[in-house]
mmCIF file of all heavy atoms, coordinates in Angstrom:
data_MODEL
# 
_entry.id   MODEL 
# 
loop_
_atom_site.group_PDB 
_atom_site.id 
_atom_site.type_symbol 
_atom_site.label_atom_id 
_atom_site.label_alt_id 
_atom_site.label_comp_id 
_atom_site.label_asym_id 
_atom_site.label_entity_id 
_atom_site.label_seq_id 
_atom_site.pdbx_PDB_ins_code 
_atom_site.Cartn_x 
_atom_site.Cartn_y 
_atom_site.Cartn_z 
_atom_site.occupancy 
_atom_site.B_iso_or_equiv 
_atom_site.pdbx_formal_charge 
_atom_site.auth_seq_id 
_atom_site.auth_comp_id 
_atom_site.auth_asym_id 
_atom_site.auth_atom_id 
_atom_site.pdbx_PDB_model_num 
ATOM 1   N N   . ALA A 1 1  ? 45.363 -11.879 0.692  1.00 0.00 ? 1  ALA A N   1 
ATOM 2   C CA  . ALA A 1 1  ? 44.140 -11.148 0.306  1.00 0.00 ? 1  ALA A CA  1 
ATOM 3   C C   . ALA A 1 1  ? 42.994 -12.122 0.310  1.00 0.00 ? 1  ALA A C   1 
ATOM 4   O O   . ALA A 1 1  ? 43.208 -13.342 0.239  1.00 0.00 ? 1  ALA A O   1 
ATOM 5   C CB  . ALA A 1 1  ? 44.330 -10.532 -1.078 1.00 0.00 ? 1  ALA A CB  1 
ATOM 6   N N   . GLY A 1 2  ? 41.799 -11.601 0.405  1.00 0.00 ? 2  GLY A N   1 
ATOM 7   C CA  . GLY A 1 2  ? 40.588 -12.459 0.348  1.00 0.00 ? 2  GLY A CA  1 
ATOM 8   C C   . GLY A 1 2  ? 39.438 -11.614 -0.160 1.00 0.00 ? 2  GLY A C   1 
ATOM 9   O O   . GLY A 1 2  ? 39.577 -10.398 -0.318 1.00 0.00 ? 2  GLY A O   1 
ATOM 10  N N   . GLU A 1 3  ? 38.311 -12.268 -0.396 1.00 0.00 ? 3  GLU A N   1 
ATOM 11  C CA  . GLU A 1 3  ? 37.155 -11.511 -0.855 1.00 0.00 ? 3  GLU A CA  1 
ATOM 12  C C   . GLU A 1 3  ? 36.685 -10.585 0.292  1.00 0.00 ? 3  GLU A C   1 
ATOM 13  O O   . GLU A 1 3  ? 36.710 -10.972 1.457  1.00 0.00 ? 3  GLU A O   1 
ATOM 14  C CB  . GLU A 1 3  ? 36.026 -12.470 -1.212 1.00 0.00 ? 3  GLU A CB  1 
ATOM 15  C CG  . GLU A 1 3  ? 36.105 -13.027 -2.614 1.00 0.00 ? 3  GLU A CG  1 
ATOM 16  C CD  . GLU A 1 3  ? 34.859 -13.808 -2.941 1.00 0.00 ? 3  GLU A CD  1 
ATOM 17  O OE1 . GLU A 1 3  ? 33.761 -13.279 -2.849 1.00 0.00 ? 3  GLU A OE1 1 
ATOM 18  O OE2 . GLU A 1 3  ? 35.022 -14.985 -3.340 1.00 0.00 ? 3  GLU A OE2 1 
ATOM 19  N N   . THR A 1 4  ? 36.261 -9.377  -0.062 1.00 0.00 ? 4  THR A N   1 
ATOM 20  C CA  . THR A 1 4  ? 35.872 -8.406  0.973  1.00 0.00 ? 4  THR A CA  1 
ATOM 21  C C   . THR A 1 4  ? 34.389 -8.479  1.305  1.00 0.00 ? 4  THR A C   1 
ATOM 22  O O   . THR A 1 4  ? 33.606 -8.976  0.537  1.00 0.00 ? 4  THR A O   1 
ATOM 23  C CB  . THR A 1 4  ? 36.220 -6.940  0.578  1.00 0.00 ? 4  THR A CB  1 
ATOM 24  O OG1 . THR A 1 4  ? 35.591 -6.660  -0.644 1.00 0.00 ? 4  THR A OG1 1 
ATOM 25  C CG2 . THR A 1 4  ? 37.731 -6.737  0.449  1.00 0.00 ? 4  THR A CG2 1 
ATOM 26  N N   . PHE A 1 5  ? 34.045 -7.989  2.489  1.00 0.00 ? 5  PHE A N   1 
ATOM 27  C CA  . PHE A 1 5  ? 32.713 -8.017  3.053  1.00 0.00 ? 5  PHE A CA  1 
ATOM 28  C C   . PHE A 1 5  ? 31.709 -7.248  2.127  1.00 0.00 ? 5  PHE A C   1 
ATOM 29  O O   . PHE A 1 5  ? 31.982 -6.153  1.714  1.00 0.00 ? 5  PHE A O   1 
ATOM 30  C CB  . PHE A 1 5  ? 32.772 -7.318  4.438  1.00 0.00 ? 5  PHE A CB  1 
ATOM 31  C CG  . PHE A 1 5  ? 31.528 -7.363  5.230  1.00 0.00 ? 5  PHE A CG  1 
ATOM 32  C CD1 . PHE A 1 5  ? 31.227 -8.520  5.929  1.00 0.00 ? 5  PHE A CD1 1 
ATOM 33  C CD2 . PHE A 1 5  ? 30.644 -6.296  5.280  1.00 0.00 ? 5  PHE A CD2 1 
ATOM 34  C CE1 . PHE A 1 5  ? 30.026 -8.578  6.757  1.00 0.00 ? 5  PHE A CE1 1 
ATOM 35  C CE2 . PHE A 1 5  ? 29.478 -6.319  6.076  1.00 0.00 ? 5  PHE A CE2 1 
ATOM 36  C CZ  . PHE A 1 5  ? 29.196 -7.482  6.783  1.00 0.00 ? 5  PHE A CZ  1 
ATOM 37  N N   . GLN A 1 6  ? 30.611 -7.923  1.848  1.00 0.00 ? 6  GLN A N   1 
ATOM 38  C CA  . GLN A 1 6  ? 29.576 -7.274  1.015  1.00 0.00 ? 6  GLN A CA  1 
ATOM 39  C C   . GLN A 1 6  ? 28.170 -7.496  1.648  1.00 0.00 ? 6  GLN A C   1 
ATOM 40  O O   . GLN A 1 6  ? 27.963 -8.525  2.318  1.00 0.00 ? 6  GLN A O   1 
ATOM 41  C CB  . GLN A 1 6  ? 29.524 -7.953  -0.380 1.00 0.00 ? 6  GLN A CB  1 
ATOM 42  C CG  . GLN A 1 6  ? 30.778 -7.854  -1.180 1.00 0.00 ? 6  GLN A CG  1 
ATOM 43  C CD  . GLN A 1 6  ? 31.003 -6.465  -1.763 1.00 0.00 ? 6  GLN A CD  1 
ATOM 44  O OE1 . GLN A 1 6  ? 30.055 -5.792  -2.072 1.00 0.00 ? 6  GLN A OE1 1 
ATOM 45  N NE2 . GLN A 1 6  ? 32.255 -6.044  -1.851 1.00 0.00 ? 6  GLN A NE2 1 
ATOM 46  N N   . LEU A 1 7  ? 27.326 -6.536  1.488  1.00 0.00 ? 7  LEU A N   1 
ATOM 47  C CA  . LEU A 1 7  ? 25.922 -6.690  1.930  1.00 0.00 ? 7  LEU A CA  1 
ATOM 48  C C   . LEU A 1 7  ? 25.008 -6.340  0.753  1.00 0.00 ? 7  LEU A C   1 
ATOM 49  O O   . LEU A 1 7  ? 25.203 -5.321  0.093  1.00 0.00 ? 7  LEU A O   1 
ATOM 50  C CB  . LEU A 1 7  ? 25.627 -5.751  3.101  1.00 0.00 ? 7  LEU A CB  1 
ATOM 51  C CG  . LEU A 1 7  ? 26.274 -6.087  4.432  1.00 0.00 ? 7  LEU A CG  1 
ATOM 52  C CD1 . LEU A 1 7  ? 26.056 -4.956  5.448  1.00 0.00 ? 7  LEU A CD1 1 
ATOM 53  C CD2 . LEU A 1 7  ? 25.783 -7.391  5.036  1.00 0.00 ? 7  LEU A CD2 1 
ATOM 54  N N   . PRO A 1 8  ? 23.976 -7.138  0.491  1.00 0.00 ? 8  PRO A N   1 
ATOM 55  C CA  . PRO A 1 8  ? 23.052 -6.822  -0.599 1.00 0.00 ? 8  PRO A CA  1 
ATOM 56  C C   . PRO A 1 8  ? 22.202 -5.600  -0.250 1.00 0.00 ? 8  PRO A C   1 
ATOM 57  O O   . PRO A 1 8  ? 21.955 -5.322  0.943  1.00 0.00 ? 8  PRO A O   1 
ATOM 58  C CB  . PRO A 1 8  ? 22.170 -8.096  -0.718 1.00 0.00 ? 8  PRO A CB  1 
ATOM 59  C CG  . PRO A 1 8  ? 22.253 -8.742  0.617  1.00 0.00 ? 8  PRO A CG  1 
ATOM 60  C CD  . PRO A 1 8  ? 23.608 -8.409  1.151  1.00 0.00 ? 8  PRO A CD  1 
ATOM 61  N N   . PRO A 1 9  ? 21.744 -4.835  -1.243 1.00 0.00 ? 9  PRO A N   1 
ATOM 62  C CA  . PRO A 1 9  ? 20.896 -3.653  -0.990 1.00 0.00 ? 9  PRO A CA  1 
ATOM 63  C C   . PRO A 1 9  ? 19.627 -4.062  -0.250 1.00 0.00 ? 9  PRO A C   1 
ATOM 64  O O   . PRO A 1 9  ? 19.152 -5.192  -0.368 1.00 0.00 ? 9  PRO A O   1 
ATOM 65  C CB  . PRO A 1 9  ? 20.536 -3.118  -2.393 1.00 0.00 ? 9  PRO A CB  1 
ATOM 66  C CG  . PRO A 1 9  ? 21.541 -3.740  -3.324 1.00 0.00 ? 9  PRO A CG  1 
ATOM 67  C CD  . PRO A 1 9  ? 21.987 -5.030  -2.689 1.00 0.00 ? 9  PRO A CD  1 
ATOM 68  N N   . VAL A 1 10 ? 19.073 -3.150  0.535  1.00 0.00 ? 10 VAL A N   1 
ATOM 69  C CA  . VAL A 1 10 ? 17.874 -3.400  1.339  1.00 0.00 ? 10 VAL A CA  1 
ATOM 70  C C   . VAL A 1 10 ? 16.899 -2.215  1.173  1.00 0.00 ? 10 VAL A C   1 
ATOM 71  O O   . VAL A 1 10 ? 17.329 -1.054  1.320  1.00 0.00 ? 10 VAL A O   1 
ATOM 72  C CB  . VAL A 1 10 ? 18.201 -3.548  2.834  1.00 0.00 ? 10 VAL A CB  1 
ATOM 73  C CG1 . VAL A 1 10 ? 16.922 -3.637  3.678  1.00 0.00 ? 10 VAL A CG1 1 
ATOM 74  C CG2 . VAL A 1 10 ? 19.075 -4.776  3.062  1.00 0.00 ? 10 VAL A CG2 1 
ATOM 75  N N   . SER A 1 11 ? 15.661 -2.509  0.878  1.00 0.00 ? 11 SER A N   1 
ATOM 76  C CA  . SER A 1 11 ? 14.631 -1.427  0.853  1.00 0.00 ? 11 SER A CA  1 
ATOM 77  C C   . SER A 1 11 ? 13.253 -2.000  1.048  1.00 0.00 ? 11 SER A C   1 
ATOM 78  O O   . SER A 1 11 ? 12.586 -2.445  0.142  1.00 0.00 ? 11 SER A O   1 
ATOM 79  C CB  . SER A 1 11 ? 14.710 -0.693  -0.480 1.00 0.00 ? 11 SER A CB  1 
ATOM 80  O OG  . SER A 1 11 ? 13.761 0.353   -0.519 1.00 0.00 ? 11 SER A OG  1 
ATOM 81  N N   . THR A 1 12 ? 12.838 -2.075  2.340  1.00 0.00 ? 12 THR A N   1 
ATOM 82  C CA  . THR A 1 12 ? 11.513 -2.619  2.654  1.00 0.00 ? 12 THR A CA  1 
ATOM 83  C C   . THR A 1 12 ? 10.893 -1.784  3.815  1.00 0.00 ? 12 THR A C   1 
ATOM 84  O O   . THR A 1 12 ? 11.625 -1.150  4.598  1.00 0.00 ? 12 THR A O   1 
ATOM 85  C CB  . THR A 1 12 ? 11.589 -4.052  3.185  1.00 0.00 ? 12 THR A CB  1 
ATOM 86  O OG1 . THR A 1 12 ? 12.509 -4.133  4.262  1.00 0.00 ? 12 THR A OG1 1 
ATOM 87  C CG2 . THR A 1 12 ? 12.070 -5.026  2.079  1.00 0.00 ? 12 THR A CG2 1 
ATOM 88  N N   . ARG A 1 13 ? 9.555  -1.785  3.878  1.00 0.00 ? 13 ARG A N   1 
ATOM 89  C CA  . ARG A 1 13 ? 8.867  -1.183  4.993  1.00 0.00 ? 13 ARG A CA  1 
ATOM 90  C C   . ARG A 1 13 ? 8.639  -2.210  6.091  1.00 0.00 ? 13 ARG A C   1 
ATOM 91  O O   . ARG A 1 13 ? 8.400  -3.381  5.790  1.00 0.00 ? 13 ARG A O   1 
ATOM 92  C CB  . ARG A 1 13 ? 7.498  -0.668  4.551  1.00 0.00 ? 13 ARG A CB  1 
ATOM 93  C CG  . ARG A 1 13 ? 7.545  0.691   3.838  1.00 0.00 ? 13 ARG A CG  1 
ATOM 94  C CD  . ARG A 1 13 ? 6.141  1.202   3.566  1.00 0.00 ? 13 ARG A CD  1 
ATOM 95  N NE  . ARG A 1 13 ? 5.441  1.560   4.798  1.00 0.00 ? 13 ARG A NE  1 
ATOM 96  C CZ  . ARG A 1 13 ? 4.130  1.791   4.871  1.00 0.00 ? 13 ARG A CZ  1 
ATOM 97  N NH1 . ARG A 1 13 ? 3.383  1.666   3.811  1.00 0.00 ? 13 ARG A NH1 1 
ATOM 98  N NH2 . ARG A 1 13 ? 3.581  2.162   6.029  1.00 0.00 ? 13 ARG A NH2 1 
ATOM 99  N N   . THR A 1 14 ? 8.757  -1.796  7.356  1.00 0.00 ? 14 THR A N   1 
ATOM 100 C CA  . THR A 1 14 ? 8.504  -2.720  8.449  1.00 0.00 ? 14 THR A CA  1 
ATOM 101 C C   . THR A 1 14 ? 7.525  -2.135  9.421  1.00 0.00 ? 14 THR A C   1 
ATOM 102 O O   . THR A 1 14 ? 7.378  -0.898  9.523  1.00 0.00 ? 14 THR A O   1 
ATOM 103 C CB  . THR A 1 14 ? 9.828  -3.051  9.225  1.00 0.00 ? 14 THR A CB  1 
ATOM 104 O OG1 . THR A 1 14 ? 10.359 -1.782  9.684  1.00 0.00 ? 14 THR A OG1 1 
ATOM 105 C CG2 . THR A 1 14 ? 10.857 -3.713  8.353  1.00 0.00 ? 14 THR A CG2 1 
ATOM 106 N N   . ALA A 1 15 ? 6.786  -3.013  10.083 1.00 0.00 ? 15 ALA A N   1 
ATOM 107 C CA  . ALA A 1 15 ? 5.879  -2.610  11.202 1.00 0.00 ? 15 ALA A CA  1 
ATOM 108 C C   . ALA A 1 15 ? 5.976  -3.713  12.244 1.00 0.00 ? 15 ALA A C   1 
ATOM 109 O O   . ALA A 1 15 ? 5.516  -4.799  12.016 1.00 0.00 ? 15 ALA A O   1 
ATOM 110 C CB  . ALA A 1 15 ? 4.442  -2.420  10.670 1.00 0.00 ? 15 ALA A CB  1 
ATOM 111 N N   . GLU A 1 16 ? 6.626  -3.435  13.354 1.00 0.00 ? 16 GLU A N   1 
ATOM 112 C CA  . GLU A 1 16 ? 6.902  -4.460  14.348 1.00 0.00 ? 16 GLU A CA  1 
ATOM 113 C C   . GLU A 1 16 ? 6.580  -4.078  15.748 1.00 0.00 ? 16 GLU A C   1 
ATOM 114 O O   . GLU A 1 16 ? 6.796  -2.880  16.142 1.00 0.00 ? 16 GLU A O   1 
ATOM 115 C CB  . GLU A 1 16 ? 8.393  -4.847  14.279 1.00 0.00 ? 16 GLU A CB  1 
ATOM 116 C CG  . GLU A 1 16 ? 8.798  -5.469  12.923 1.00 0.00 ? 16 GLU A CG  1 
ATOM 117 C CD  . GLU A 1 16 ? 10.248 -5.880  12.901 1.00 0.00 ? 16 GLU A CD  1 
ATOM 118 O OE1 . GLU A 1 16 ? 11.035 -5.492  13.766 1.00 0.00 ? 16 GLU A OE1 1 
ATOM 119 O OE2 . GLU A 1 16 ? 10.589 -6.574  11.898 1.00 0.00 ? 16 GLU A OE2 1 
ATOM 120 N N   . PHE A 1 17 ? 6.074  -5.030  16.511 1.00 0.00 ? 17 PHE A N   1 
ATOM 121 C CA  . PHE A 1 17 ? 5.793  -4.864  17.925 1.00 0.00 ? 17 PHE A CA  1 
ATOM 122 C C   . PHE A 1 17 ? 6.674  -5.855  18.685 1.00 0.00 ? 17 PHE A C   1 
ATOM 123 O O   . PHE A 1 17 ? 6.532  -7.056  18.499 1.00 0.00 ? 17 PHE A O   1 
ATOM 124 C CB  . PHE A 1 17 ? 4.310  -5.117  18.229 1.00 0.00 ? 17 PHE A CB  1 
ATOM 125 C CG  . PHE A 1 17 ? 3.931  -4.770  19.621 1.00 0.00 ? 17 PHE A CG  1 
ATOM 126 C CD1 . PHE A 1 17 ? 3.257  -3.594  19.926 1.00 0.00 ? 17 PHE A CD1 1 
ATOM 127 C CD2 . PHE A 1 17 ? 4.185  -5.647  20.704 1.00 0.00 ? 17 PHE A CD2 1 
ATOM 128 C CE1 . PHE A 1 17 ? 2.870  -3.265  21.232 1.00 0.00 ? 17 PHE A CE1 1 
ATOM 129 C CE2 . PHE A 1 17 ? 3.836  -5.356  22.018 1.00 0.00 ? 17 PHE A CE2 1 
ATOM 130 C CZ  . PHE A 1 17 ? 3.170  -4.140  22.255 1.00 0.00 ? 17 PHE A CZ  1 
ATOM 131 N N   . TRP A 1 18 ? 7.615  -5.354  19.520 1.00 0.00 ? 18 TRP A N   1 
ATOM 132 C CA  . TRP A 1 18 ? 8.493  -6.243  20.289 1.00 0.00 ? 18 TRP A CA  1 
ATOM 133 C C   . TRP A 1 18 ? 8.058  -6.247  21.735 1.00 0.00 ? 18 TRP A C   1 
ATOM 134 O O   . TRP A 1 18 ? 7.835  -5.176  22.330 1.00 0.00 ? 18 TRP A O   1 
ATOM 135 C CB  . TRP A 1 18 ? 9.933  -5.731  20.157 1.00 0.00 ? 18 TRP A CB  1 
ATOM 136 C CG  . TRP A 1 18 ? 10.491 -6.008  18.812 1.00 0.00 ? 18 TRP A CG  1 
ATOM 137 C CD1 . TRP A 1 18 ? 10.292 -5.266  17.655 1.00 0.00 ? 18 TRP A CD1 1 
ATOM 138 C CD2 . TRP A 1 18 ? 11.390 -7.064  18.446 1.00 0.00 ? 18 TRP A CD2 1 
ATOM 139 N NE1 . TRP A 1 18 ? 10.978 -5.844  16.634 1.00 0.00 ? 18 TRP A NE1 1 
ATOM 140 C CE2 . TRP A 1 18 ? 11.639 -6.949  17.071 1.00 0.00 ? 18 TRP A CE2 1 
ATOM 141 C CE3 . TRP A 1 18 ? 11.952 -8.145  19.145 1.00 0.00 ? 18 TRP A CE3 1 
ATOM 142 C CZ2 . TRP A 1 18 ? 12.466 -7.836  16.365 1.00 0.00 ? 18 TRP A CZ2 1 
ATOM 143 C CZ3 . TRP A 1 18 ? 12.804 -9.004  18.446 1.00 0.00 ? 18 TRP A CZ3 1 
ATOM 144 C CH2 . TRP A 1 18 ? 13.006 -8.864  17.098 1.00 0.00 ? 18 TRP A CH2 1 
ATOM 145 N N   . VAL A 1 19 ? 7.967  -7.429  22.282 1.00 0.00 ? 19 VAL A N   1 
ATOM 146 C CA  . VAL A 1 19 ? 7.513  -7.572  23.709 1.00 0.00 ? 19 VAL A CA  1 
ATOM 147 C C   . VAL A 1 19 ? 8.698  -7.686  24.660 1.00 0.00 ? 19 VAL A C   1 
ATOM 148 O O   . VAL A 1 19 ? 9.585  -8.492  24.379 1.00 0.00 ? 19 VAL A O   1 
ATOM 149 C CB  . VAL A 1 19 ? 6.605  -8.812  23.857 1.00 0.00 ? 19 VAL A CB  1 
ATOM 150 C CG1 . VAL A 1 19 ? 6.121  -8.949  25.288 1.00 0.00 ? 19 VAL A CG1 1 
ATOM 151 C CG2 . VAL A 1 19 ? 5.422  -8.709  22.880 1.00 0.00 ? 19 VAL A CG2 1 
ATOM 152 N N   . ALA A 1 20 ? 8.695  -6.882  25.691 1.00 0.00 ? 20 ALA A N   1 
ATOM 153 C CA  . ALA A 1 20 ? 9.761  -6.938  26.685 1.00 0.00 ? 20 ALA A CA  1 
ATOM 154 C C   . ALA A 1 20 ? 9.206  -6.782  28.094 1.00 0.00 ? 20 ALA A C   1 
ATOM 155 O O   . ALA A 1 20 ? 8.050  -6.348  28.237 1.00 0.00 ? 20 ALA A O   1 
ATOM 156 C CB  . ALA A 1 20 ? 10.783 -5.831  26.435 1.00 0.00 ? 20 ALA A CB  1 
ATOM 157 N N   . ASN A 1 21 ? 10.010 -7.101  29.082 1.00 0.00 ? 21 ASN A N   1 
ATOM 158 C CA  . ASN A 1 21 ? 9.562  -6.977  30.473 1.00 0.00 ? 21 ASN A CA  1 
ATOM 159 C C   . ASN A 1 21 ? 9.764  -5.499  30.891 1.00 0.00 ? 21 ASN A C   1 
ATOM 160 O O   . ASN A 1 21 ? 10.746 -5.158  31.477 1.00 0.00 ? 21 ASN A O   1 
ATOM 161 C CB  . ASN A 1 21 ? 10.386 -7.945  31.372 1.00 0.00 ? 21 ASN A CB  1 
ATOM 162 C CG  . ASN A 1 21 ? 9.949  -7.835  32.803 1.00 0.00 ? 21 ASN A CG  1 
ATOM 163 O OD1 . ASN A 1 21 ? 8.867  -7.355  33.110 1.00 0.00 ? 21 ASN A OD1 1 
ATOM 164 N ND2 . ASN A 1 21 ? 10.794 -8.323  33.674 1.00 0.00 ? 21 ASN A ND2 1 
ATOM 165 N N   . THR A 1 22 ? 8.792  -4.669  30.524 1.00 0.00 ? 22 THR A N   1 
ATOM 166 C CA  . THR A 1 22 ? 8.907  -3.239  30.816 1.00 0.00 ? 22 THR A CA  1 
ATOM 167 C C   . THR A 1 22 ? 7.547  -2.629  31.142 1.00 0.00 ? 22 THR A C   1 
ATOM 168 O O   . THR A 1 22 ? 6.546  -3.061  30.598 1.00 0.00 ? 22 THR A O   1 
ATOM 169 C CB  . THR A 1 22 ? 9.528  -2.497  29.583 1.00 0.00 ? 22 THR A CB  1 
ATOM 170 O OG1 . THR A 1 22 ? 9.388  -1.086  29.751 1.00 0.00 ? 22 THR A OG1 1 
ATOM 171 C CG2 . THR A 1 22 ? 8.816  -2.900  28.311 1.00 0.00 ? 22 THR A CG2 1 
ATOM 172 N N   . GLN A 1 23 ? 7.579  -1.615  32.027 1.00 0.00 ? 23 GLN A N   1 
ATOM 173 C CA  . GLN A 1 23 ? 6.302  -0.993  32.416 1.00 0.00 ? 23 GLN A CA  1 
ATOM 174 C C   . GLN A 1 23 ? 6.045  0.247   31.534 1.00 0.00 ? 23 GLN A C   1 
ATOM 175 O O   . GLN A 1 23 ? 4.989  0.861   31.633 1.00 0.00 ? 23 GLN A O   1 
ATOM 176 C CB  . GLN A 1 23 ? 6.369  -0.504  33.883 1.00 0.00 ? 23 GLN A CB  1 
ATOM 177 C CG  . GLN A 1 23 ? 6.590  -1.625  34.890 1.00 0.00 ? 23 GLN A CG  1 
ATOM 178 C CD  . GLN A 1 23 ? 5.528  -2.713  34.781 1.00 0.00 ? 23 GLN A CD  1 
ATOM 179 O OE1 . GLN A 1 23 ? 4.353  -2.442  34.804 1.00 0.00 ? 23 GLN A OE1 1 
ATOM 180 N NE2 . GLN A 1 23 ? 5.945  -3.980  34.600 1.00 0.00 ? 23 GLN A NE2 1 
ATOM 181 N N   . VAL A 1 24 ? 7.009  0.581   30.675 1.00 0.00 ? 24 VAL A N   1 
ATOM 182 C CA  . VAL A 1 24 ? 6.845  1.753   29.799 1.00 0.00 ? 24 VAL A CA  1 
ATOM 183 C C   . VAL A 1 24 ? 7.055  1.368   28.363 1.00 0.00 ? 24 VAL A C   1 
ATOM 184 O O   . VAL A 1 24 ? 7.465  0.228   28.062 1.00 0.00 ? 24 VAL A O   1 
ATOM 185 C CB  . VAL A 1 24 ? 7.881  2.864   30.213 1.00 0.00 ? 24 VAL A CB  1 
ATOM 186 C CG1 . VAL A 1 24 ? 7.450  3.543   31.463 1.00 0.00 ? 24 VAL A CG1 1 
ATOM 187 C CG2 . VAL A 1 24 ? 9.252  2.266   30.350 1.00 0.00 ? 24 VAL A CG2 1 
ATOM 188 N N   . ASN A 1 25 ? 6.770  2.269   27.439 1.00 0.00 ? 25 ASN A N   1 
ATOM 189 C CA  . ASN A 1 25 ? 6.892  1.977   26.022 1.00 0.00 ? 25 ASN A CA  1 
ATOM 190 C C   . ASN A 1 25 ? 8.061  2.776   25.379 1.00 0.00 ? 25 ASN A C   1 
ATOM 191 O O   . ASN A 1 25 ? 8.451  3.824   25.888 1.00 0.00 ? 25 ASN A O   1 
ATOM 192 C CB  . ASN A 1 25 ? 5.605  2.402   25.279 1.00 0.00 ? 25 ASN A CB  1 
ATOM 193 C CG  . ASN A 1 25 ? 4.374  1.751   25.922 1.00 0.00 ? 25 ASN A CG  1 
ATOM 194 O OD1 . ASN A 1 25 ? 4.353  0.577   26.173 1.00 0.00 ? 25 ASN A OD1 1 
ATOM 195 N ND2 . ASN A 1 25 ? 3.366  2.578   26.224 1.00 0.00 ? 25 ASN A ND2 1 
ATOM 196 N N   . PHE A 1 26 ? 8.542  2.210   24.294 1.00 0.00 ? 26 PHE A N   1 
ATOM 197 C CA  . PHE A 1 26 ? 9.566  2.890   23.488 1.00 0.00 ? 26 PHE A CA  1 
ATOM 198 C C   . PHE A 1 26 ? 9.059  2.847   22.046 1.00 0.00 ? 26 PHE A C   1 
ATOM 199 O O   . PHE A 1 26 ? 8.883  1.748   21.530 1.00 0.00 ? 26 PHE A O   1 
ATOM 200 C CB  . PHE A 1 26 ? 10.905 2.181   23.583 1.00 0.00 ? 26 PHE A CB  1 
ATOM 201 C CG  . PHE A 1 26 ? 11.441 2.110   25.031 1.00 0.00 ? 26 PHE A CG  1 
ATOM 202 C CD1 . PHE A 1 26 ? 11.115 1.019   25.836 1.00 0.00 ? 26 PHE A CD1 1 
ATOM 203 C CD2 . PHE A 1 26 ? 12.294 3.075   25.512 1.00 0.00 ? 26 PHE A CD2 1 
ATOM 204 C CE1 . PHE A 1 26 ? 11.608 0.953   27.138 1.00 0.00 ? 26 PHE A CE1 1 
ATOM 205 C CE2 . PHE A 1 26 ? 12.758 3.028   26.822 1.00 0.00 ? 26 PHE A CE2 1 
ATOM 206 C CZ  . PHE A 1 26 ? 12.389 1.943   27.640 1.00 0.00 ? 26 PHE A CZ  1 
ATOM 207 N N   . CYS A 1 27 ? 8.748  3.998   21.492 1.00 0.00 ? 27 CYS A N   1 
ATOM 208 C CA  . CYS A 1 27 ? 8.142  4.040   20.169 1.00 0.00 ? 27 CYS A CA  1 
ATOM 209 C C   . CYS A 1 27 ? 9.140  4.627   19.142 1.00 0.00 ? 27 CYS A C   1 
ATOM 210 O O   . CYS A 1 27 ? 9.861  5.555   19.482 1.00 0.00 ? 27 CYS A O   1 
ATOM 211 C CB  . CYS A 1 27 ? 6.862  4.930   20.177 1.00 0.00 ? 27 CYS A CB  1 
ATOM 212 S SG  . CYS A 1 27 ? 5.697  4.500   21.465 1.00 0.00 ? 27 CYS A SG  1 
ATOM 213 N N   . ALA A 1 28 ? 9.134  4.092   17.946 1.00 0.00 ? 28 ALA A N   1 
ATOM 214 C CA  . ALA A 1 28 ? 9.979  4.650   16.887 1.00 0.00 ? 28 ALA A CA  1 
ATOM 215 C C   . ALA A 1 28 ? 9.277  4.566   15.538 1.00 0.00 ? 28 ALA A C   1 
ATOM 216 O O   . ALA A 1 28 ? 8.536  3.642   15.285 1.00 0.00 ? 28 ALA A O   1 
ATOM 217 C CB  . ALA A 1 28 ? 11.297 3.869   16.850 1.00 0.00 ? 28 ALA A CB  1 
ATOM 218 N N   . ARG A 1 29 ? 9.508  5.624   14.750 1.00 0.00 ? 29 ARG A N   1 
ATOM 219 C CA  . ARG A 1 29 ? 8.955  5.617   13.377 1.00 0.00 ? 29 ARG A CA  1 
ATOM 220 C C   . ARG A 1 29 ? 10.090 6.207   12.471 1.00 0.00 ? 29 ARG A C   1 
ATOM 221 O O   . ARG A 1 29 ? 10.727 7.204   12.835 1.00 0.00 ? 29 ARG A O   1 
ATOM 222 C CB  . ARG A 1 29 ? 7.729  6.458   13.288 1.00 0.00 ? 29 ARG A CB  1 
ATOM 223 C CG  . ARG A 1 29 ? 7.106  6.529   11.900 1.00 0.00 ? 29 ARG A CG  1 
ATOM 224 C CD  . ARG A 1 29 ? 5.639  6.996   11.952 1.00 0.00 ? 29 ARG A CD  1 
ATOM 225 N NE  . ARG A 1 29 ? 4.785  5.867   12.304 1.00 0.00 ? 29 ARG A NE  1 
ATOM 226 C CZ  . ARG A 1 29 ? 3.486  6.029   12.631 1.00 0.00 ? 29 ARG A CZ  1 
ATOM 227 N NH1 . ARG A 1 29 ? 2.949  7.200   12.727 1.00 0.00 ? 29 ARG A NH1 1 
ATOM 228 N NH2 . ARG A 1 29 ? 2.760  4.931   12.919 1.00 0.00 ? 29 ARG A NH2 1 
# 
């Protein structure tokens, strides 16, 4: 047996622009 996988709670707002080699856009909210 071993210690099991844990993740701390997360609650934040984000606003990000990612640059890629593309002629079109992909938008998400």
